[in-house]
Amino acid sequence: MKLHEKIDGRLREFVEAQHMFFVATAPSGDEGHVNLSPKGMAGTFVVLGEHRVAYLDFHGSGAETLAHLRQNGRITIMFCAFEGPPNIVRLHGRGTHTPIGSPDLDALLALFPTAPDLHGLRGVITVEVDRVSDSCGYSVPLMSYEGDRDLLLRWAQRKDEAGLADYRRVKNATSIDGLPAFDVDAQEAETPIKVPMP
């Protein structure tokens, strides 16, 4: 394992070239469940600086990451090389979630110039990175990338804004441990999402 002072050069190129990444969070204390989520879709992850990254948070069947970030902010993002030379990069840091309806959201969305259809977006997760490391990844299998799935985007297109709000109220209000996740009390403040222009 090697520690890096910042996300730059070949390290940044590697991170930006990966088709998927994994997000890990956990509640505070000795109780509760550790969560690990796979993320993908081109245009949904950006490096914003030497110690700052962000990714688009689309609707999901749960809201563990949001709940854990609200409670303690701890987050790790991991990238694996499934093609080319073996490598694993981990970004440890503190994350924040900017939900739909937030006055700060449009400025963040402008940082994703190649984002997919944003209908179905739940917000943006920004991470202030305080530890950057890479390791060998010798046991990670070689796999070929065939393309992004569009099932999540098509699922969202079948719902209007009211349907998505109902989904968040039912599926995203709390974590599996009962921690508050998506703030359903702020639903009235939500506004339609503007697609950032390239």
N, C-alpha and C. Protein backbone atom coordinates (compact mmCIF):
# COMPACT_ATOMS: atom_id res chain seq x y z
N MET A 1 0.83 -1.19 0.00
CA MET A 1 0.00 0.00 0.00
C MET A 1 0.88 1.25 0.00
N LYS A 2 0.44 2.27 -0.73
CA LYS A 2 1.17 3.53 -0.78
C LYS A 2 0.21 4.68 -0.50
N LEU A 3 0.63 5.59 0.36
CA LEU A 3 -0.16 6.79 0.65
C LEU A 3 0.23 7.90 -0.32
N HIS A 4 -0.75 8.69 -0.73
CA HIS A 4 -0.52 9.81 -1.64
C HIS A 4 -0.98 11.10 -0.98
N GLU A 5 -0.30 12.18 -1.27
CA GLU A 5 -0.66 13.46 -0.68
C GLU A 5 -1.94 14.02 -1.27
N LYS A 6 -2.24 13.66 -2.51
CA LYS A 6 -3.39 14.26 -3.19
C LYS A 6 -3.82 13.40 -4.37
N ILE A 7 -4.96 13.75 -4.93
CA ILE A 7 -5.48 13.07 -6.11
C ILE A 7 -5.03 13.85 -7.33
N ASP A 8 -3.96 13.39 -7.97
CA ASP A 8 -3.48 14.11 -9.15
C ASP A 8 -2.72 13.15 -10.06
N GLY A 9 -2.33 13.64 -11.23
CA GLY A 9 -1.52 12.86 -12.15
C GLY A 9 -2.15 11.54 -12.55
N ARG A 10 -1.34 10.49 -12.53
CA ARG A 10 -1.82 9.18 -12.95
C ARG A 10 -2.89 8.64 -12.03
N LEU A 11 -2.84 9.01 -10.76
CA LEU A 11 -3.86 8.57 -9.81
C LEU A 11 -5.23 9.13 -10.20
N ARG A 12 -5.26 10.40 -10.53
CA ARG A 12 -6.51 11.02 -10.97
C ARG A 12 -6.99 10.41 -12.28
N GLU A 13 -6.07 10.18 -13.21
CA GLU A 13 -6.44 9.57 -14.49
C GLU A 13 -7.04 8.19 -14.28
N PHE A 14 -6.46 7.42 -13.36
CA PHE A 14 -6.99 6.09 -13.07
C PHE A 14 -8.40 6.17 -12.53
N VAL A 15 -8.60 7.02 -11.53
CA VAL A 15 -9.92 7.16 -10.91
C VAL A 15 -10.96 7.57 -11.95
N GLU A 16 -10.64 8.54 -12.77
CA GLU A 16 -11.60 9.06 -13.74
C GLU A 16 -11.89 8.07 -14.87
N ALA A 17 -11.00 7.10 -15.08
CA ALA A 17 -11.18 6.13 -16.17
C ALA A 17 -12.04 4.93 -15.77
N GLN A 18 -12.30 4.75 -14.46
CA GLN A 18 -13.02 3.56 -14.03
C GLN A 18 -14.52 3.69 -14.31
N HIS A 19 -15.13 2.56 -14.65
CA HIS A 19 -16.55 2.54 -14.99
C HIS A 19 -17.44 2.36 -13.77
N MET A 20 -16.86 1.95 -12.65
CA MET A 20 -17.65 1.81 -11.43
C MET A 20 -16.76 2.03 -10.22
N PHE A 21 -17.42 2.26 -9.08
CA PHE A 21 -16.71 2.41 -7.82
C PHE A 21 -17.61 1.92 -6.70
N PHE A 22 -17.05 1.79 -5.52
CA PHE A 22 -17.79 1.29 -4.38
C PHE A 22 -17.75 2.33 -3.26
N VAL A 23 -18.86 2.46 -2.54
CA VAL A 23 -18.97 3.43 -1.45
C VAL A 23 -19.26 2.68 -0.15
N ALA A 24 -18.46 2.92 0.88
CA ALA A 24 -18.65 2.27 2.18
C ALA A 24 -18.89 3.32 3.26
N THR A 25 -19.88 3.05 4.10
CA THR A 25 -20.18 3.90 5.25
C THR A 25 -20.64 3.01 6.40
N ALA A 26 -20.72 3.58 7.60
CA ALA A 26 -21.18 2.81 8.76
C ALA A 26 -21.73 3.77 9.81
N PRO A 27 -22.68 3.30 10.62
CA PRO A 27 -23.17 4.13 11.71
C PRO A 27 -22.11 4.25 12.81
N SER A 28 -22.29 5.20 13.69
CA SER A 28 -21.37 5.37 14.81
C SER A 28 -21.57 4.27 15.84
N GLY A 29 -20.53 4.00 16.61
CA GLY A 29 -20.64 3.05 17.71
C GLY A 29 -20.47 1.61 17.28
N ASP A 30 -20.81 0.71 18.21
CA ASP A 30 -20.61 -0.72 18.00
C ASP A 30 -21.80 -1.41 17.35
N GLU A 31 -22.94 -0.76 17.28
CA GLU A 31 -24.15 -1.37 16.75
C GLU A 31 -24.40 -0.91 15.31
N GLY A 32 -25.34 -1.55 14.66
CA GLY A 32 -25.72 -1.15 13.32
C GLY A 32 -24.95 -1.86 12.24
N HIS A 33 -25.38 -1.67 11.02
CA HIS A 33 -24.85 -2.39 9.87
C HIS A 33 -23.91 -1.52 9.03
N VAL A 34 -22.77 -2.08 8.67
CA VAL A 34 -21.87 -1.44 7.71
C VAL A 34 -22.51 -1.56 6.33
N ASN A 35 -22.43 -0.51 5.52
CA ASN A 35 -23.02 -0.55 4.19
C ASN A 35 -21.94 -0.42 3.12
N LEU A 36 -22.13 -1.16 2.03
CA LEU A 36 -21.24 -1.08 0.88
C LEU A 36 -22.10 -1.07 -0.37
N SER A 37 -21.97 -0.02 -1.20
CA SER A 37 -22.81 0.14 -2.38
C SER A 37 -21.96 0.27 -3.64
N PRO A 38 -22.32 -0.45 -4.71
CA PRO A 38 -21.66 -0.24 -6.00
C PRO A 38 -22.29 0.93 -6.73
N LYS A 39 -21.49 1.70 -7.43
CA LYS A 39 -21.98 2.85 -8.19
C LYS A 39 -21.43 2.79 -9.61
N GLY A 40 -22.19 3.30 -10.55
CA GLY A 40 -21.74 3.31 -11.93
C GLY A 40 -22.44 4.39 -12.72
N MET A 41 -22.45 4.28 -14.00
CA MET A 41 -23.01 5.18 -15.01
C MET A 41 -22.02 6.30 -15.32
N ALA A 42 -21.68 6.41 -16.58
CA ALA A 42 -20.74 7.42 -17.03
C ALA A 42 -21.25 8.82 -16.70
N GLY A 43 -20.33 9.69 -16.31
CA GLY A 43 -20.67 11.08 -16.04
C GLY A 43 -21.20 11.35 -14.66
N THR A 44 -21.20 10.35 -13.77
CA THR A 44 -21.78 10.54 -12.44
C THR A 44 -20.75 10.77 -11.34
N PHE A 45 -19.45 10.68 -11.66
CA PHE A 45 -18.39 10.91 -10.68
C PHE A 45 -17.43 11.95 -11.23
N VAL A 46 -17.03 12.90 -10.38
CA VAL A 46 -16.07 13.91 -10.80
C VAL A 46 -15.04 14.15 -9.71
N VAL A 47 -13.80 14.42 -10.14
CA VAL A 47 -12.76 14.89 -9.23
C VAL A 47 -12.80 16.40 -9.27
N LEU A 48 -13.08 17.02 -8.13
CA LEU A 48 -13.24 18.47 -8.06
C LEU A 48 -11.96 19.19 -7.64
N GLY A 49 -11.01 18.44 -7.15
CA GLY A 49 -9.75 19.04 -6.70
C GLY A 49 -8.84 17.97 -6.14
N GLU A 50 -7.73 18.39 -5.59
CA GLU A 50 -6.75 17.44 -5.09
C GLU A 50 -7.23 16.67 -3.88
N HIS A 51 -8.24 17.21 -3.17
CA HIS A 51 -8.78 16.55 -1.99
C HIS A 51 -10.30 16.61 -1.95
N ARG A 52 -10.92 16.66 -3.13
CA ARG A 52 -12.38 16.79 -3.16
C ARG A 52 -12.95 16.07 -4.38
N VAL A 53 -13.95 15.22 -4.13
CA VAL A 53 -14.64 14.51 -5.21
C VAL A 53 -16.14 14.59 -4.96
N ALA A 54 -16.91 14.22 -5.97
CA ALA A 54 -18.36 14.21 -5.81
C ALA A 54 -18.97 13.19 -6.76
N TYR A 55 -20.16 12.71 -6.40
CA TYR A 55 -20.89 11.83 -7.30
C TYR A 55 -22.39 12.08 -7.19
N LEU A 56 -23.09 11.76 -8.28
CA LEU A 56 -24.53 11.95 -8.33
C LEU A 56 -25.21 10.82 -7.57
N ASP A 57 -26.16 11.19 -6.74
CA ASP A 57 -26.90 10.22 -5.92
C ASP A 57 -28.29 10.05 -6.50
N PHE A 58 -28.51 8.92 -7.16
CA PHE A 58 -29.81 8.61 -7.72
C PHE A 58 -30.64 7.79 -6.73
N HIS A 59 -31.95 7.74 -6.97
CA HIS A 59 -32.82 6.97 -6.10
C HIS A 59 -32.37 5.52 -6.03
N GLY A 60 -32.53 4.95 -4.86
CA GLY A 60 -32.23 3.54 -4.65
C GLY A 60 -33.22 2.95 -3.67
N SER A 61 -33.16 1.64 -3.52
CA SER A 61 -34.12 0.97 -2.64
C SER A 61 -33.85 1.24 -1.17
N GLY A 62 -32.69 1.80 -0.86
CA GLY A 62 -32.37 2.15 0.51
C GLY A 62 -31.67 3.50 0.54
N ALA A 63 -31.31 3.91 1.75
CA ALA A 63 -30.65 5.20 1.92
C ALA A 63 -29.61 5.12 3.03
N GLU A 64 -28.87 4.02 3.05
CA GLU A 64 -27.88 3.82 4.10
C GLU A 64 -26.79 4.88 4.09
N THR A 65 -26.25 5.16 2.90
CA THR A 65 -25.18 6.16 2.81
C THR A 65 -25.64 7.50 3.35
N LEU A 66 -26.84 7.92 2.96
CA LEU A 66 -27.36 9.21 3.41
C LEU A 66 -27.50 9.24 4.93
N ALA A 67 -28.02 8.16 5.50
CA ALA A 67 -28.21 8.11 6.95
C ALA A 67 -26.88 8.18 7.69
N HIS A 68 -25.89 7.44 7.20
CA HIS A 68 -24.60 7.43 7.87
C HIS A 68 -23.88 8.77 7.73
N LEU A 69 -24.01 9.41 6.57
CA LEU A 69 -23.40 10.72 6.41
C LEU A 69 -24.05 11.75 7.32
N ARG A 70 -25.37 11.66 7.47
CA ARG A 70 -26.05 12.58 8.39
C ARG A 70 -25.57 12.39 9.82
N GLN A 71 -25.28 11.14 10.19
CA GLN A 71 -24.89 10.86 11.56
C GLN A 71 -23.43 11.19 11.85
N ASN A 72 -22.52 10.77 10.96
CA ASN A 72 -21.10 10.95 11.29
C ASN A 72 -20.21 11.41 10.13
N GLY A 73 -20.72 11.39 8.90
CA GLY A 73 -19.96 11.91 7.78
C GLY A 73 -18.87 11.02 7.21
N ARG A 74 -18.57 9.89 7.85
CA ARG A 74 -17.46 9.05 7.40
C ARG A 74 -17.82 8.31 6.11
N ILE A 75 -16.86 8.25 5.20
CA ILE A 75 -17.11 7.57 3.93
C ILE A 75 -15.78 7.15 3.30
N THR A 76 -15.81 6.01 2.62
CA THR A 76 -14.67 5.55 1.83
C THR A 76 -15.17 5.22 0.43
N ILE A 77 -14.46 5.68 -0.57
CA ILE A 77 -14.76 5.34 -1.97
C ILE A 77 -13.59 4.51 -2.50
N MET A 78 -13.93 3.38 -3.13
CA MET A 78 -12.90 2.49 -3.64
C MET A 78 -13.08 2.23 -5.13
N PHE A 79 -11.97 2.28 -5.86
CA PHE A 79 -11.92 1.99 -7.29
C PHE A 79 -11.01 0.78 -7.50
N CYS A 80 -11.44 -0.14 -8.36
CA CYS A 80 -10.64 -1.32 -8.69
C CYS A 80 -10.37 -1.36 -10.19
N ALA A 81 -9.18 -1.78 -10.55
CA ALA A 81 -8.85 -1.97 -11.97
C ALA A 81 -9.32 -3.35 -12.38
N PHE A 82 -10.37 -3.41 -13.21
CA PHE A 82 -10.83 -4.67 -13.76
C PHE A 82 -10.22 -4.93 -15.14
N GLU A 83 -9.55 -3.91 -15.68
CA GLU A 83 -8.84 -4.02 -16.95
C GLU A 83 -7.45 -3.41 -16.75
N GLY A 84 -6.48 -3.83 -17.55
CA GLY A 84 -5.15 -3.25 -17.47
C GLY A 84 -4.39 -3.68 -16.23
N PRO A 85 -3.33 -2.92 -15.86
CA PRO A 85 -2.53 -3.27 -14.69
C PRO A 85 -3.36 -3.26 -13.42
N PRO A 86 -3.09 -4.17 -12.47
CA PRO A 86 -3.87 -4.22 -11.24
C PRO A 86 -3.64 -2.99 -10.37
N ASN A 87 -4.72 -2.53 -9.76
CA ASN A 87 -4.62 -1.37 -8.87
C ASN A 87 -5.92 -1.22 -8.10
N ILE A 88 -5.82 -0.77 -6.86
CA ILE A 88 -6.98 -0.41 -6.05
C ILE A 88 -6.68 0.95 -5.43
N VAL A 89 -7.62 1.87 -5.56
CA VAL A 89 -7.47 3.20 -4.97
C VAL A 89 -8.60 3.42 -3.97
N ARG A 90 -8.22 3.88 -2.79
CA ARG A 90 -9.21 4.20 -1.76
C ARG A 90 -9.11 5.67 -1.40
N LEU A 91 -10.28 6.31 -1.33
CA LEU A 91 -10.38 7.70 -0.90
C LEU A 91 -11.19 7.74 0.39
N HIS A 92 -10.53 8.07 1.48
CA HIS A 92 -11.22 8.18 2.77
C HIS A 92 -11.52 9.66 3.04
N GLY A 93 -12.67 9.93 3.63
CA GLY A 93 -12.97 11.32 3.92
C GLY A 93 -14.28 11.53 4.64
N ARG A 94 -14.75 12.77 4.55
CA ARG A 94 -16.02 13.17 5.17
C ARG A 94 -16.95 13.61 4.06
N GLY A 95 -18.14 13.04 4.05
CA GLY A 95 -19.08 13.32 2.99
C GLY A 95 -20.29 14.12 3.45
N THR A 96 -20.85 14.86 2.51
CA THR A 96 -22.09 15.59 2.75
C THR A 96 -23.03 15.33 1.57
N HIS A 97 -24.31 15.34 1.87
CA HIS A 97 -25.33 15.12 0.84
C HIS A 97 -26.09 16.42 0.62
N THR A 98 -26.13 16.86 -0.63
CA THR A 98 -26.92 18.03 -1.02
C THR A 98 -28.14 17.50 -1.76
N PRO A 99 -29.33 17.55 -1.13
CA PRO A 99 -30.50 16.91 -1.73
C PRO A 99 -31.18 17.78 -2.79
N ILE A 100 -32.05 17.15 -3.57
CA ILE A 100 -32.88 17.91 -4.49
C ILE A 100 -33.69 18.90 -3.67
N GLY A 101 -33.93 20.06 -4.24
CA GLY A 101 -34.62 21.11 -3.50
C GLY A 101 -33.68 22.06 -2.79
N SER A 102 -32.40 21.69 -2.66
CA SER A 102 -31.43 22.56 -2.00
C SER A 102 -31.03 23.71 -2.92
N PRO A 103 -30.90 24.93 -2.38
CA PRO A 103 -30.46 26.05 -3.23
C PRO A 103 -29.03 25.89 -3.75
N ASP A 104 -28.25 24.98 -3.17
CA ASP A 104 -26.87 24.77 -3.60
C ASP A 104 -26.75 23.71 -4.70
N LEU A 105 -27.85 23.04 -5.04
CA LEU A 105 -27.75 21.90 -5.94
C LEU A 105 -27.36 22.28 -7.36
N ASP A 106 -27.95 23.33 -7.91
CA ASP A 106 -27.67 23.70 -9.30
C ASP A 106 -26.18 23.96 -9.54
N ALA A 107 -25.53 24.62 -8.59
CA ALA A 107 -24.10 24.90 -8.74
C ALA A 107 -23.29 23.61 -8.76
N LEU A 108 -23.69 22.62 -7.95
CA LEU A 108 -23.00 21.34 -7.95
C LEU A 108 -23.24 20.57 -9.25
N LEU A 109 -24.47 20.61 -9.74
CA LEU A 109 -24.79 19.88 -10.97
C LEU A 109 -24.01 20.42 -12.16
N ALA A 110 -23.68 21.68 -12.14
CA ALA A 110 -22.89 22.27 -13.23
C ALA A 110 -21.49 21.67 -13.32
N LEU A 111 -21.05 20.98 -12.26
CA LEU A 111 -19.73 20.36 -12.24
C LEU A 111 -19.72 18.98 -12.89
N PHE A 112 -20.90 18.53 -13.37
CA PHE A 112 -21.04 17.22 -14.01
C PHE A 112 -21.43 17.43 -15.47
N PRO A 113 -20.51 17.85 -16.33
CA PRO A 113 -20.86 18.22 -17.71
C PRO A 113 -21.33 17.07 -18.58
N THR A 114 -21.01 15.83 -18.22
CA THR A 114 -21.43 14.69 -19.04
C THR A 114 -22.42 13.80 -18.30
N ALA A 115 -23.18 14.39 -17.39
CA ALA A 115 -24.14 13.62 -16.59
C ALA A 115 -25.24 13.03 -17.46
N PRO A 116 -25.78 11.88 -17.06
CA PRO A 116 -26.91 11.30 -17.78
C PRO A 116 -28.19 12.07 -17.42
N ASP A 117 -29.32 11.56 -17.89
CA ASP A 117 -30.62 12.14 -17.55
C ASP A 117 -30.75 12.26 -16.04
N LEU A 118 -31.08 13.45 -15.54
CA LEU A 118 -31.11 13.69 -14.11
C LEU A 118 -32.47 13.46 -13.47
N HIS A 119 -33.48 13.10 -14.26
CA HIS A 119 -34.75 12.75 -13.65
C HIS A 119 -34.54 11.47 -12.84
N GLY A 120 -34.86 11.52 -11.58
CA GLY A 120 -34.56 10.40 -10.71
C GLY A 120 -33.39 10.67 -9.79
N LEU A 121 -32.78 11.86 -9.93
CA LEU A 121 -31.69 12.23 -9.05
C LEU A 121 -32.22 12.53 -7.65
N ARG A 122 -31.48 12.10 -6.64
CA ARG A 122 -31.85 12.34 -5.24
C ARG A 122 -30.97 13.43 -4.63
N GLY A 123 -29.83 13.69 -5.24
CA GLY A 123 -28.93 14.73 -4.74
C GLY A 123 -27.51 14.50 -5.22
N VAL A 124 -26.56 15.20 -4.59
CA VAL A 124 -25.14 15.06 -4.89
C VAL A 124 -24.40 14.81 -3.58
N ILE A 125 -23.51 13.84 -3.60
CA ILE A 125 -22.65 13.57 -2.44
C ILE A 125 -21.27 14.11 -2.74
N THR A 126 -20.80 14.99 -1.88
CA THR A 126 -19.48 15.60 -2.00
C THR A 126 -18.60 15.07 -0.87
N VAL A 127 -17.36 14.72 -1.20
CA VAL A 127 -16.45 14.15 -0.21
C VAL A 127 -15.19 15.00 -0.12
N GLU A 128 -14.89 15.44 1.09
CA GLU A 128 -13.62 16.09 1.39
C GLU A 128 -12.65 14.98 1.79
N VAL A 129 -11.69 14.70 0.93
CA VAL A 129 -10.82 13.53 1.08
C VAL A 129 -9.64 13.87 1.99
N ASP A 130 -9.45 13.05 3.05
CA ASP A 130 -8.32 13.29 3.96
C ASP A 130 -7.27 12.18 3.92
N ARG A 131 -7.55 11.11 3.16
CA ARG A 131 -6.55 10.03 3.02
C ARG A 131 -6.70 9.42 1.64
N VAL A 132 -5.59 9.33 0.92
CA VAL A 132 -5.57 8.78 -0.43
C VAL A 132 -4.54 7.66 -0.46
N SER A 133 -4.96 6.47 -0.88
CA SER A 133 -4.01 5.36 -0.94
C SER A 133 -4.31 4.48 -2.14
N ASP A 134 -3.29 3.74 -2.57
CA ASP A 134 -3.51 2.69 -3.56
C ASP A 134 -2.75 1.45 -3.13
N SER A 135 -3.20 0.31 -3.65
CA SER A 135 -2.58 -0.96 -3.33
C SER A 135 -2.63 -1.85 -4.57
N CYS A 136 -2.06 -3.05 -4.46
CA CYS A 136 -1.78 -3.85 -5.65
C CYS A 136 -3.00 -4.34 -6.41
N GLY A 137 -3.98 -4.87 -5.74
CA GLY A 137 -5.13 -5.42 -6.44
C GLY A 137 -4.81 -6.67 -7.23
N TYR A 138 -3.83 -7.45 -6.81
CA TYR A 138 -3.39 -8.62 -7.56
C TYR A 138 -4.49 -9.68 -7.70
N SER A 139 -5.41 -9.74 -6.75
CA SER A 139 -6.43 -10.79 -6.80
C SER A 139 -7.74 -10.32 -7.44
N VAL A 140 -7.81 -9.06 -7.86
CA VAL A 140 -9.01 -8.55 -8.52
C VAL A 140 -9.08 -9.14 -9.92
N PRO A 141 -10.21 -9.76 -10.30
CA PRO A 141 -10.27 -10.42 -11.60
C PRO A 141 -10.26 -9.44 -12.77
N LEU A 142 -9.83 -9.93 -13.91
CA LEU A 142 -9.93 -9.17 -15.14
C LEU A 142 -11.32 -9.36 -15.72
N MET A 143 -11.99 -8.25 -16.02
CA MET A 143 -13.33 -8.30 -16.59
C MET A 143 -13.45 -7.23 -17.66
N SER A 144 -14.21 -7.51 -18.69
CA SER A 144 -14.38 -6.57 -19.79
C SER A 144 -15.64 -5.73 -19.59
N TYR A 145 -15.53 -4.45 -19.87
CA TYR A 145 -16.66 -3.54 -19.78
C TYR A 145 -17.49 -3.62 -21.05
N GLU A 146 -18.79 -3.87 -20.91
CA GLU A 146 -19.69 -3.98 -22.06
C GLU A 146 -20.59 -2.77 -22.23
N GLY A 147 -20.73 -1.96 -21.20
CA GLY A 147 -21.58 -0.78 -21.29
C GLY A 147 -22.35 -0.54 -20.01
N ASP A 148 -22.92 0.65 -19.89
CA ASP A 148 -23.72 1.00 -18.72
C ASP A 148 -25.12 0.42 -18.86
N ARG A 149 -25.69 0.04 -17.74
CA ARG A 149 -27.10 -0.33 -17.73
C ARG A 149 -27.93 0.95 -17.64
N ASP A 150 -29.09 0.95 -18.30
CA ASP A 150 -29.96 2.12 -18.24
C ASP A 150 -31.24 1.85 -17.46
N LEU A 151 -31.27 0.74 -16.72
CA LEU A 151 -32.49 0.34 -16.01
C LEU A 151 -32.91 1.35 -14.96
N LEU A 152 -31.95 1.93 -14.23
CA LEU A 152 -32.29 2.90 -13.20
C LEU A 152 -32.90 4.15 -13.82
N LEU A 153 -32.34 4.60 -14.92
CA LEU A 153 -32.88 5.78 -15.59
C LEU A 153 -34.27 5.51 -16.14
N ARG A 154 -34.48 4.33 -16.71
CA ARG A 154 -35.80 3.99 -17.25
C ARG A 154 -36.83 3.83 -16.14
N TRP A 155 -36.39 3.28 -14.99
CA TRP A 155 -37.28 3.16 -13.83
C TRP A 155 -37.75 4.55 -13.40
N ALA A 156 -36.84 5.50 -13.31
CA ALA A 156 -37.19 6.85 -12.88
C ALA A 156 -38.11 7.54 -13.88
N GLN A 157 -37.89 7.30 -15.17
CA GLN A 157 -38.73 7.94 -16.18
C GLN A 157 -40.18 7.52 -16.08
N ARG A 158 -40.45 6.37 -15.48
CA ARG A 158 -41.83 5.92 -15.33
C ARG A 158 -42.54 6.58 -14.16
N LYS A 159 -41.82 7.42 -13.41
CA LYS A 159 -42.42 8.09 -12.25
C LYS A 159 -42.35 9.61 -12.45
N ASP A 160 -43.42 10.30 -12.05
CA ASP A 160 -43.38 11.76 -12.06
C ASP A 160 -42.78 12.23 -10.74
N GLU A 161 -42.70 13.56 -10.55
CA GLU A 161 -42.07 14.09 -9.33
C GLU A 161 -42.80 13.63 -8.07
N ALA A 162 -44.13 13.59 -8.14
CA ALA A 162 -44.91 13.14 -6.98
C ALA A 162 -44.63 11.67 -6.67
N GLY A 163 -44.49 10.86 -7.73
CA GLY A 163 -44.19 9.45 -7.52
C GLY A 163 -42.82 9.23 -6.90
N LEU A 164 -41.83 10.03 -7.33
CA LEU A 164 -40.50 9.93 -6.74
C LEU A 164 -40.51 10.39 -5.29
N ALA A 165 -41.28 11.43 -4.99
CA ALA A 165 -41.38 11.92 -3.60
C ALA A 165 -42.01 10.85 -2.72
N ASP A 166 -43.04 10.17 -3.22
CA ASP A 166 -43.66 9.08 -2.46
C ASP A 166 -42.67 7.95 -2.23
N TYR A 167 -41.88 7.65 -3.24
CA TYR A 167 -40.88 6.59 -3.11
C TYR A 167 -39.87 6.94 -2.02
N ARG A 168 -39.40 8.17 -2.01
CA ARG A 168 -38.45 8.58 -0.97
C ARG A 168 -39.09 8.49 0.41
N ARG A 169 -40.35 8.88 0.50
CA ARG A 169 -41.06 8.86 1.78
C ARG A 169 -41.18 7.44 2.31
N VAL A 170 -41.41 6.48 1.43
CA VAL A 170 -41.60 5.10 1.84
C VAL A 170 -40.28 4.35 1.99
N LYS A 171 -39.36 4.53 1.03
CA LYS A 171 -38.15 3.72 0.97
C LYS A 171 -36.88 4.38 1.50
N ASN A 172 -36.86 5.72 1.56
CA ASN A 172 -35.60 6.42 1.84
C ASN A 172 -35.62 7.29 3.10
N ALA A 173 -36.65 7.18 3.91
CA ALA A 173 -36.75 8.04 5.09
C ALA A 173 -35.78 7.64 6.20
N THR A 174 -35.53 6.33 6.33
CA THR A 174 -34.64 5.85 7.39
C THR A 174 -33.74 4.74 6.86
N SER A 175 -32.66 4.50 7.60
CA SER A 175 -31.77 3.38 7.27
C SER A 175 -32.37 2.09 7.81
N ILE A 176 -31.72 0.95 7.50
CA ILE A 176 -32.21 -0.32 8.02
C ILE A 176 -32.08 -0.39 9.54
N ASP A 177 -31.26 0.49 10.12
CA ASP A 177 -31.11 0.55 11.57
C ASP A 177 -32.00 1.62 12.20
N GLY A 178 -32.84 2.28 11.38
CA GLY A 178 -33.76 3.28 11.91
C GLY A 178 -33.19 4.68 12.00
N LEU A 179 -32.02 4.92 11.42
CA LEU A 179 -31.44 6.27 11.45
C LEU A 179 -32.12 7.13 10.39
N PRO A 180 -32.32 8.42 10.65
CA PRO A 180 -32.92 9.28 9.63
C PRO A 180 -32.01 9.39 8.41
N ALA A 181 -32.59 9.28 7.23
CA ALA A 181 -31.81 9.32 5.99
C ALA A 181 -32.24 10.53 5.16
N PHE A 182 -33.09 10.32 4.16
CA PHE A 182 -33.55 11.45 3.35
C PHE A 182 -34.58 12.23 4.15
N ASP A 183 -34.45 13.56 4.17
CA ASP A 183 -35.32 14.42 4.97
C ASP A 183 -36.66 14.59 4.27
N VAL A 184 -37.62 13.73 4.60
CA VAL A 184 -38.92 13.81 3.94
C VAL A 184 -39.69 15.06 4.34
N ASP A 185 -39.33 15.70 5.46
CA ASP A 185 -39.99 16.94 5.88
C ASP A 185 -39.68 18.09 4.94
N ALA A 186 -38.61 17.96 4.13
CA ALA A 186 -38.24 19.03 3.21
C ALA A 186 -38.85 18.83 1.82
N GLN A 187 -39.74 17.85 1.68
CA GLN A 187 -40.31 17.54 0.37
C GLN A 187 -41.02 18.74 -0.26
N GLU A 188 -41.66 19.56 0.54
CA GLU A 188 -42.41 20.69 0.00
C GLU A 188 -41.50 21.70 -0.69
N ALA A 189 -40.22 21.70 -0.32
CA ALA A 189 -39.29 22.68 -0.88
C ALA A 189 -38.68 22.23 -2.20
N GLU A 190 -39.00 21.01 -2.63
CA GLU A 190 -38.35 20.48 -3.81
C GLU A 190 -38.78 21.20 -5.08
N THR A 191 -37.83 21.37 -5.98
CA THR A 191 -38.10 21.99 -7.27
C THR A 191 -37.59 21.07 -8.37
N PRO A 192 -38.11 21.18 -9.58
CA PRO A 192 -37.61 20.33 -10.66
C PRO A 192 -36.12 20.54 -10.87
N ILE A 193 -35.45 19.48 -11.26
CA ILE A 193 -34.00 19.52 -11.45
C ILE A 193 -33.68 20.06 -12.83
N LYS A 194 -32.72 20.96 -12.88
CA LYS A 194 -32.25 21.51 -14.16
C LYS A 194 -31.05 20.71 -14.63
N VAL A 195 -31.07 20.35 -15.88
CA VAL A 195 -29.94 19.61 -16.45
C VAL A 195 -28.80 20.58 -16.72
N PRO A 196 -27.58 20.32 -16.19
CA PRO A 196 -26.47 21.23 -16.44
C PRO A 196 -26.07 21.23 -17.91
N MET A 197 -25.73 22.39 -18.40
CA MET A 197 -25.31 22.51 -19.80
C MET A 197 -23.81 22.24 -19.91
N PRO A 198 -23.38 21.55 -20.96
CA PRO A 198 -21.93 21.26 -21.13
C PRO A 198 -21.15 22.55 -21.38
